[in-house]
């Protein structure tokens, strides 16, 4: 179904309380289990919800699997015309979300969907943006990253704190929640398409005066991570510097 037809149909449907955005790129080995867990968890809630899958150029069965599992649910598949990157895909999905609150999550559910409640709590108390953290006291790393990835992550976060976000211990956990107001203000300003977009959106949220809170979560490392330790790390460090000069 064309996106315009979906939008026309949605005008007659009350907006849900929660939107979940999931960017995907060739995730056929993981998306099925992840969506089943999400649906099973959300079916226990007393609020309406929707799932937005952003297809960033999948060439496998990811989308057909998503259709099979989400059939009969409130969901949308949004297809990028070409591979745009994780940041661009999340930007598109978060701006399209109709919920009062919008969460984006990695397709592998490294942060289990049950941790969603930990992020909603502060939102209901008045926060505008909440995000999962693997580095705060109270976080639970069930399966840790390899040592070299942990060391690179710590080095990256040190630079993040020095250049952009003092006091924030982990910007890269792919589990972040925005009120609709905050999402509609922050994501139109997002420019970075790669993995450093997480830093940019938090910088923007803080600069715009939104109340943000880092929340310790449970986390399980995925051995099938698509992040390149060398190529992506160099790109992220370069983007940190670019973001600093752009802010000036």
C-alpha atoms as a PDB file:
ATOM      1  CA  UNK A   1       0.000   0.000   0.000  1.00  0.00           C
ATOM      2  CA  UNK A   2       1.330   3.425  -0.922  1.00  0.00           C
ATOM      3  CA  UNK A   3       2.360   5.713   1.936  1.00  0.00           C
ATOM      4  CA  UNK A   4      -0.247   8.360   0.969  1.00  0.00           C
ATOM      5  CA  UNK A   5      -2.997   5.727   1.135  1.00  0.00           C
ATOM      6  CA  UNK A   6      -1.778   4.696   4.583  1.00  0.00           C
ATOM      7  CA  UNK A   7      -1.854   8.324   5.740  1.00  0.00           C
ATOM      8  CA  UNK A   8      -5.390   8.771   4.419  1.00  0.00           C
ATOM      9  CA  UNK A   9      -6.530   5.635   6.267  1.00  0.00           C
ATOM     10  CA  UNK A  10      -4.865   6.761   9.504  1.00  0.00           C
ATOM     11  CA  UNK A  11      -6.840   9.998   9.579  1.00  0.00           C
ATOM     12  CA  UNK A  12      -9.846   7.953  10.665  1.00  0.00           C
ATOM     13  CA  UNK A  13      -7.895   6.100  13.370  1.00  0.00           C
ATOM     14  CA  UNK A  14      -7.178   7.779  16.734  1.00  0.00           C
ATOM     15  CA  UNK A  15      -3.434   8.259  17.339  1.00  0.00           C
ATOM     16  CA  UNK A  16      -1.854   5.564  19.514  1.00  0.00           C
ATOM     17  CA  UNK A  17      -0.181   6.290  22.825  1.00  0.00           C
ATOM     18  CA  UNK A  18       3.124   4.704  21.741  1.00  0.00           C
ATOM     19  CA  UNK A  19       5.005   4.498  18.456  1.00  0.00           C
ATOM     20  CA  UNK A  20       7.997   2.161  18.102  1.00  0.00           C
ATOM     21  CA  UNK A  21      10.423   2.821  15.253  1.00  0.00           C
ATOM     22  CA  UNK A  22      12.706  -0.002  14.098  1.00  0.00           C
ATOM     23  CA  UNK A  23      15.252   0.588  11.297  1.00  0.00           C
ATOM     24  CA  UNK A  24      16.115  -2.560   9.366  1.00  0.00           C
ATOM     25  CA  UNK A  25      18.720  -3.599   6.840  1.00  0.00           C
ATOM     26  CA  UNK A  26      18.828  -7.317   5.959  1.00  0.00           C
ATOM     27  CA  UNK A  27      17.552  -8.484   9.356  1.00  0.00           C
ATOM     28  CA  UNK A  28      15.741 -11.695   8.336  1.00  0.00           C
ATOM     29  CA  UNK A  29      17.639 -13.762  10.926  1.00  0.00           C
ATOM     30  CA  UNK A  30      16.586 -11.545  13.840  1.00  0.00           C
ATOM     31  CA  UNK A  31      13.487  -9.519  13.000  1.00  0.00           C
ATOM     32  CA  UNK A  32      11.020 -12.381  13.471  1.00  0.00           C
ATOM     33  CA  UNK A  33      11.949 -13.159  17.063  1.00  0.00           C
ATOM     34  CA  UNK A  34      12.226  -9.462  17.919  1.00  0.00           C
ATOM     35  CA  UNK A  35       8.787  -8.554  16.581  1.00  0.00           C
ATOM     36  CA  UNK A  36       7.170 -11.533  18.317  1.00  0.00           C
ATOM     37  CA  UNK A  37       8.658 -10.386  21.641  1.00  0.00           C
ATOM     38  CA  UNK A  38       7.526  -6.801  21.068  1.00  0.00           C
ATOM     39  CA  UNK A  39       3.961  -7.809  20.174  1.00  0.00           C
ATOM     40  CA  UNK A  40       3.699 -10.235  23.086  1.00  0.00           C
ATOM     41  CA  UNK A  41       4.890  -7.537  25.501  1.00  0.00           C
ATOM     42  CA  UNK A  42       2.691  -4.740  24.148  1.00  0.00           C
ATOM     43  CA  UNK A  43      -0.422  -6.914  24.040  1.00  0.00           C
ATOM     44  CA  UNK A  44      -0.334  -6.843  27.840  1.00  0.00           C
ATOM     45  CA  UNK A  45      -0.561  -3.042  27.936  1.00  0.00           C
ATOM     46  CA  UNK A  46      -3.734  -1.014  28.306  1.00  0.00           C
ATOM     47  CA  UNK A  47      -2.745   1.569  25.674  1.00  0.00           C
ATOM     48  CA  UNK A  48      -2.783   1.619  21.892  1.00  0.00           C
ATOM     49  CA  UNK A  49       0.475   1.266  19.992  1.00  0.00           C
ATOM     50  CA  UNK A  50       1.925   1.133  16.503  1.00  0.00           C
ATOM     51  CA  UNK A  51       5.141  -0.185  14.965  1.00  0.00           C
ATOM     52  CA  UNK A  52       6.982   1.586  12.156  1.00  0.00           C
ATOM     53  CA  UNK A  53       9.533  -0.494  10.246  1.00  0.00           C
ATOM     54  CA  UNK A  54      11.932   1.622   8.186  1.00  0.00           C
ATOM     55  CA  UNK A  55      13.343  -0.486   5.354  1.00  0.00           C
ATOM     56  CA  UNK A  56      16.817   0.853   4.544  1.00  0.00           C
ATOM     57  CA  UNK A  57      17.273  -1.181   1.368  1.00  0.00           C
ATOM     58  CA  UNK A  58      16.694  -4.771   2.532  1.00  0.00           C
ATOM     59  CA  UNK A  59      17.459  -7.438  -0.058  1.00  0.00           C
ATOM     60  CA  UNK A  60      16.349 -10.447   1.992  1.00  0.00           C
ATOM     61  CA  UNK A  61      13.078 -11.615   3.622  1.00  0.00           C
ATOM     62  CA  UNK A  62      13.060  -9.008   6.402  1.00  0.00           C
ATOM     63  CA  UNK A  63       9.975  -7.175   5.172  1.00  0.00           C
ATOM     64  CA  UNK A  64       7.931 -10.254   4.264  1.00  0.00           C
ATOM     65  CA  UNK A  65       8.600 -11.653   7.751  1.00  0.00           C
ATOM     66  CA  UNK A  66       7.516  -8.349   9.315  1.00  0.00           C
ATOM     67  CA  UNK A  67       4.268  -8.395   7.308  1.00  0.00           C
ATOM     68  CA  UNK A  68       3.532 -11.950   8.443  1.00  0.00           C
ATOM     69  CA  UNK A  69       4.028 -11.227  12.143  1.00  0.00           C
ATOM     70  CA  UNK A  70       2.374  -7.802  12.230  1.00  0.00           C
ATOM     71  CA  UNK A  71      -0.651  -8.720  10.124  1.00  0.00           C
ATOM     72  CA  UNK A  72      -3.767  -7.356  11.793  1.00  0.00           C
ATOM     73  CA  UNK A  73      -1.778  -4.931  13.947  1.00  0.00           C
ATOM     74  CA  UNK A  74      -1.355  -1.192  13.610  1.00  0.00           C
ATOM     75  CA  UNK A  75       1.916  -0.915  11.711  1.00  0.00           C
ATOM     76  CA  UNK A  76       3.575   0.655   8.711  1.00  0.00           C
ATOM     77  CA  UNK A  77       6.501  -0.312   6.491  1.00  0.00           C
ATOM     78  CA  UNK A  78       8.411   2.729   5.242  1.00  0.00           C
ATOM     79  CA  UNK A  79      10.862   2.034   2.425  1.00  0.00           C
ATOM     80  CA  UNK A  80      13.838   4.279   1.738  1.00  0.00           C
ATOM     81  CA  UNK A  81      14.511   4.792  -1.957  1.00  0.00           C
ATOM     82  CA  UNK A  82      18.132   3.806  -1.323  1.00  0.00           C
ATOM     83  CA  UNK A  83      20.327   2.838   1.624  1.00  0.00           C
ATOM     84  CA  UNK A  84      20.435   5.979   3.778  1.00  0.00           C
ATOM     85  CA  UNK A  85      22.012   4.784   7.032  1.00  0.00           C
ATOM     86  CA  UNK A  86      20.651   4.188  10.510  1.00  0.00           C
ATOM     87  CA  UNK A  87      20.446   7.838  11.493  1.00  0.00           C
ATOM     88  CA  UNK A  88      18.439   8.844   8.438  1.00  0.00           C
ATOM     89  CA  UNK A  89      16.096   5.866   8.839  1.00  0.00           C
ATOM     90  CA  UNK A  90      15.364   6.659  12.470  1.00  0.00           C
ATOM     91  CA  UNK A  91      14.838  10.320  11.645  1.00  0.00           C
ATOM     92  CA  UNK A  92      12.209   9.372   9.075  1.00  0.00           C
ATOM     93  CA  UNK A  93      10.443   6.974  11.393  1.00  0.00           C
ATOM     94  CA  UNK A  94      10.410   9.275  14.410  1.00  0.00           C
ATOM     95  CA  UNK A  95       8.918  12.114  12.378  1.00  0.00           C
ATOM     96  CA  UNK A  96       6.224   9.768  11.049  1.00  0.00           C
ATOM     97  CA  UNK A  97       5.269   8.355  14.454  1.00  0.00           C
ATOM     98  CA  UNK A  98       1.757   9.303  15.558  1.00  0.00           C
ATOM     99  CA  UNK A  99       2.078   8.340  19.214  1.00  0.00           C
ATOM    100  CA  UNK A 100       2.176  10.651  22.205  1.00  0.00           C
ATOM    101  CA  UNK A 101       5.573   9.097  22.855  1.00  0.00           C
ATOM    102  CA  UNK A 102       7.961   7.621  20.299  1.00  0.00           C
ATOM    103  CA  UNK A 103      10.639   5.013  20.973  1.00  0.00           C
ATOM    104  CA  UNK A 104      13.300   3.821  18.592  1.00  0.00           C
ATOM    105  CA  UNK A 105      14.918   0.445  19.102  1.00  0.00           C
ATOM    106  CA  UNK A 106      17.534  -1.672  17.361  1.00  0.00           C
ATOM    107  CA  UNK A 107      16.149  -4.645  15.447  1.00  0.00           C
ATOM    108  CA  UNK A 108      18.157  -7.120  17.533  1.00  0.00           C
ATOM    109  CA  UNK A 109      16.591  -5.950  20.839  1.00  0.00           C
ATOM    110  CA  UNK A 110      19.981  -5.737  22.536  1.00  0.00           C
ATOM    111  CA  UNK A 111      17.991  -3.702  25.025  1.00  0.00           C
ATOM    112  CA  UNK A 112      15.016  -6.011  25.740  1.00  0.00           C
ATOM    113  CA  UNK A 113      11.612  -4.507  25.020  1.00  0.00           C
ATOM    114  CA  UNK A 114      10.642  -4.946  28.694  1.00  0.00           C
ATOM    115  CA  UNK A 115      13.010  -2.059  29.505  1.00  0.00           C
ATOM    116  CA  UNK A 116      10.527   0.246  27.804  1.00  0.00           C
ATOM    117  CA  UNK A 117       8.705   0.729  31.117  1.00  0.00           C
ATOM    118  CA  UNK A 118      11.866   2.201  32.657  1.00  0.00           C
ATOM    119  CA  UNK A 119      11.866   4.919  30.009  1.00  0.00           C
ATOM    120  CA  UNK A 120       8.143   5.660  30.139  1.00  0.00           C
ATOM    121  CA  UNK A 121       8.261   6.293  33.896  1.00  0.00           C
ATOM    122  CA  UNK A 122      10.372   9.490  33.695  1.00  0.00           C
ATOM    123  CA  UNK A 123       8.351  10.667  30.655  1.00  0.00           C
ATOM    124  CA  UNK A 124       5.179  10.480  32.720  1.00  0.00           C
ATOM    125  CA  UNK A 125       6.962  12.449  35.437  1.00  0.00           C
ATOM    126  CA  UNK A 126       7.722  15.314  33.055  1.00  0.00           C
ATOM    127  CA  UNK A 127      10.844  14.374  31.098  1.00  0.00           C
ATOM    128  CA  UNK A 128      10.873  15.005  27.363  1.00  0.00           C
ATOM    129  CA  UNK A 129      13.614  12.557  26.345  1.00  0.00           C
ATOM    130  CA  UNK A 130      14.757   9.366  28.081  1.00  0.00           C
ATOM    131  CA  UNK A 131      17.402   6.960  26.853  1.00  0.00           C
ATOM    132  CA  UNK A 132      18.915   3.659  27.888  1.00  0.00           C
ATOM    133  CA  UNK A 133      22.399   3.521  29.358  1.00  0.00           C
ATOM    134  CA  UNK A 134      24.814   0.616  29.701  1.00  0.00           C
ATOM    135  CA  UNK A 135      27.264   2.615  31.811  1.00  0.00           C
ATOM    136  CA  UNK A 136      25.212   3.913  34.722  1.00  0.00           C
ATOM    137  CA  UNK A 137      25.062   2.338  38.149  1.00  0.00           C
ATOM    138  CA  UNK A 138      22.138  -0.064  38.039  1.00  0.00           C
ATOM    139  CA  UNK A 139      22.604  -1.131  34.433  1.00  0.00           C
ATOM    140  CA  UNK A 140      22.839  -4.883  33.809  1.00  0.00           C
ATOM    141  CA  UNK A 141      25.138  -6.182  31.082  1.00  0.00           C
ATOM    142  CA  UNK A 142      23.901  -9.745  30.639  1.00  0.00           C
ATOM    143  CA  UNK A 143      26.278 -10.388  27.735  1.00  0.00           C
ATOM    144  CA  UNK A 144      29.131  -7.906  27.475  1.00  0.00           C
ATOM    145  CA  UNK A 145      30.807  -6.640  24.334  1.00  0.00           C
ATOM    146  CA  UNK A 146      34.288  -7.920  23.465  1.00  0.00           C
ATOM    147  CA  UNK A 147      36.942  -6.039  25.435  1.00  0.00           C
ATOM    148  CA  UNK A 148      38.214  -4.071  22.426  1.00  0.00           C
ATOM    149  CA  UNK A 149      34.702  -2.769  21.718  1.00  0.00           C
ATOM    150  CA  UNK A 150      34.201  -1.757  25.339  1.00  0.00           C
ATOM    151  CA  UNK A 151      37.492   0.142  25.352  1.00  0.00           C
ATOM    152  CA  UNK A 152      36.616   1.917  22.109  1.00  0.00           C
ATOM    153  CA  UNK A 153      33.219   2.796  23.534  1.00  0.00           C
ATOM    154  CA  UNK A 154      34.731   4.287  26.661  1.00  0.00           C
ATOM    155  CA  UNK A 155      37.190   6.356  24.614  1.00  0.00           C
ATOM    156  CA  UNK A 156      34.351   7.584  22.427  1.00  0.00           C
ATOM    157  CA  UNK A 157      32.236   8.551  25.422  1.00  0.00           C
ATOM    158  CA  UNK A 158      35.145  10.456  26.963  1.00  0.00           C
ATOM    159  CA  UNK A 159      35.288  12.612  23.832  1.00  0.00           C
ATOM    160  CA  UNK A 160      31.506  12.992  23.815  1.00  0.00           C
ATOM    161  CA  UNK A 161      31.588  14.330  27.359  1.00  0.00           C
ATOM    162  CA  UNK A 162      34.531  16.633  26.658  1.00  0.00           C
ATOM    163  CA  UNK A 163      33.105  18.062  23.437  1.00  0.00           C
ATOM    164  CA  UNK A 164      29.322  17.882  23.745  1.00  0.00           C
ATOM    165  CA  UNK A 165      27.469  16.242  26.618  1.00  0.00           C
ATOM    166  CA  UNK A 166      29.151  16.467  30.017  1.00  0.00           C
ATOM    167  CA  UNK A 167      27.602  14.078  32.509  1.00  0.00           C
ATOM    168  CA  UNK A 168      26.138  11.675  29.926  1.00  0.00           C
ATOM    169  CA  UNK A 169      27.729   8.241  30.324  1.00  0.00           C
ATOM    170  CA  UNK A 170      26.364   6.394  27.277  1.00  0.00           C
ATOM    171  CA  UNK A 171      24.941   8.001  24.141  1.00  0.00           C
ATOM    172  CA  UNK A 172      25.119   4.935  21.885  1.00  0.00           C
ATOM    173  CA  UNK A 173      22.581   2.551  23.374  1.00  0.00           C
ATOM    174  CA  UNK A 174      19.963   2.141  20.630  1.00  0.00           C
ATOM    175  CA  UNK A 175      16.944   2.567  22.883  1.00  0.00           C
ATOM    176  CA  UNK A 176      15.676   6.158  23.110  1.00  0.00           C
ATOM    177  CA  UNK A 177      12.254   7.656  23.798  1.00  0.00           C
ATOM    178  CA  UNK A 178      10.895  11.111  22.925  1.00  0.00           C
ATOM    179  CA  UNK A 179       7.621  12.820  23.580  1.00  0.00           C
ATOM    180  CA  UNK A 180       5.947  13.680  20.314  1.00  0.00           C
ATOM    181  CA  UNK A 181       6.620  17.377  20.955  1.00  0.00           C
ATOM    182  CA  UNK A 182      10.326  16.748  21.466  1.00  0.00           C
ATOM    183  CA  UNK A 183      10.582  14.436  18.448  1.00  0.00           C
ATOM    184  CA  UNK A 184       8.896  16.949  16.156  1.00  0.00           C
ATOM    185  CA  UNK A 185      11.300  19.651  17.330  1.00  0.00           C
ATOM    186  CA  UNK A 186      14.562  17.681  17.337  1.00  0.00           C
ATOM    187  CA  UNK A 187      14.503  15.364  14.338  1.00  0.00           C
ATOM    188  CA  UNK A 188      13.878  18.001  11.622  1.00  0.00           C
ATOM    189  CA  UNK A 189      17.206  19.517  12.720  1.00  0.00           C
ATOM    190  CA  UNK A 190      19.137  16.227  12.626  1.00  0.00           C
ATOM    191  CA  UNK A 191      21.687  16.102   9.805  1.00  0.00           C
ATOM    192  CA  UNK A 192      23.922  13.130  10.612  1.00  0.00           C
ATOM    193  CA  UNK A 193      22.969   9.844   8.964  1.00  0.00           C
ATOM    194  CA  UNK A 194      25.576   7.555  10.533  1.00  0.00           C
ATOM    195  CA  UNK A 195      25.999   6.170  14.034  1.00  0.00           C
ATOM    196  CA  UNK A 196      26.966   9.543  15.535  1.00  0.00           C
ATOM    197  CA  UNK A 197      23.389  10.733  15.080  1.00  0.00           C
ATOM    198  CA  UNK A 198      22.698   9.598  18.682  1.00  0.00           C
ATOM    199  CA  UNK A 199      25.028  12.299  19.969  1.00  0.00           C
ATOM    200  CA  UNK A 200      23.539  14.913  17.659  1.00  0.00           C
ATOM    201  CA  UNK A 201      19.921  14.361  18.702  1.00  0.00           C
ATOM    202  CA  UNK A 202      20.811  14.540  22.403  1.00  0.00           C
ATOM    203  CA  UNK A 203      22.821  17.710  21.796  1.00  0.00           C
ATOM    204  CA  UNK A 204      19.857  19.193  19.951  1.00  0.00           C
ATOM    205  CA  UNK A 205      17.391  18.168  22.666  1.00  0.00           C
ATOM    206  CA  UNK A 206      19.506  19.757  25.382  1.00  0.00           C
ATOM    207  CA  UNK A 207      20.082  22.911  23.325  1.00  0.00           C
ATOM    208  CA  UNK A 208      16.344  23.269  22.706  1.00  0.00           C
ATOM    209  CA  UNK A 209      15.697  23.139  26.438  1.00  0.00           C
ATOM    210  CA  UNK A 210      14.086  19.716  26.665  1.00  0.00           C
ATOM    211  CA  UNK A 211      14.489  17.760  29.868  1.00  0.00           C
ATOM    212  CA  UNK A 212      16.557  14.636  29.193  1.00  0.00           C
ATOM    213  CA  UNK A 213      17.306  11.699  31.463  1.00  0.00           C
ATOM    214  CA  UNK A 214      19.722   8.774  31.163  1.00  0.00           C
ATOM    215  CA  UNK A 215      18.262   5.526  32.495  1.00  0.00           C
ATOM    216  CA  UNK A 216      20.171   2.334  33.405  1.00  0.00           C
ATOM    217  CA  UNK A 217      18.885  -0.657  31.438  1.00  0.00           C
ATOM    218  CA  UNK A 218      19.455  -4.345  30.891  1.00  0.00           C
ATOM    219  CA  UNK A 219      21.539  -5.042  27.814  1.00  0.00           C
ATOM    220  CA  UNK A 220      22.594  -8.141  25.864  1.00  0.00           C
ATOM    221  CA  UNK A 221      25.373  -7.821  23.296  1.00  0.00           C
ATOM    222  CA  UNK A 222      24.543  -9.180  19.857  1.00  0.00           C
ATOM    223  CA  UNK A 223      27.379 -11.152  18.236  1.00  0.00           C
ATOM    224  CA  UNK A 224      25.932 -10.213  14.836  1.00  0.00           C
ATOM    225  CA  UNK A 225      26.535  -6.492  15.293  1.00  0.00           C
ATOM    226  CA  UNK A 226      26.991  -4.672  11.989  1.00  0.00           C
ATOM    227  CA  UNK A 227      29.169  -1.926  13.456  1.00  0.00           C
ATOM    228  CA  UNK A 228      32.699  -2.055  12.057  1.00  0.00           C
ATOM    229  CA  UNK A 229      35.229  -1.523  14.881  1.00  0.00           C
ATOM    230  CA  UNK A 230      37.624   0.351  12.589  1.00  0.00           C
ATOM    231  CA  UNK A 231      35.651   1.997   9.779  1.00  0.00           C
ATOM    232  CA  UNK A 232      32.615   3.084  11.803  1.00  0.00           C
ATOM    233  CA  UNK A 233      34.675   4.153  14.821  1.00  0.00           C
ATOM    234  CA  UNK A 234      36.846   6.444  12.704  1.00  0.00           C
ATOM    235  CA  UNK A 235      33.759   7.888  11.070  1.00  0.00           C
ATOM    236  CA  UNK A 236      32.118   8.505  14.457  1.00  0.00           C
ATOM    237  CA  UNK A 237      35.173  10.259  15.864  1.00  0.00           C
ATOM    238  CA  UNK A 238      35.300  12.469  12.761  1.00  0.00           C
ATOM    239  CA  UNK A 239      31.601  13.279  13.130  1.00  0.00           C
ATOM    240  CA  UNK A 240      32.133  14.361  16.741  1.00  0.00           C
ATOM    241  CA  UNK A 241      34.583  16.985  15.556  1.00  0.00           C
ATOM    242  CA  UNK A 242      32.273  18.087  12.730  1.00  0.00           C
ATOM    243  CA  UNK A 243      29.416  18.449  15.188  1.00  0.00           C
ATOM    244  CA  UNK A 244      31.572  20.639  17.423  1.00  0.00           C
ATOM    245  CA  UNK A 245      32.382  23.059  14.610  1.00  0.00           C
ATOM    246  CA  UNK A 246      28.781  23.046  13.392  1.00  0.00           C
ATOM    247  CA  UNK A 247      27.589  24.097  16.826  1.00  0.00           C
ATOM    248  CA  UNK A 248      29.958  27.047  16.718  1.00  0.00           C
END
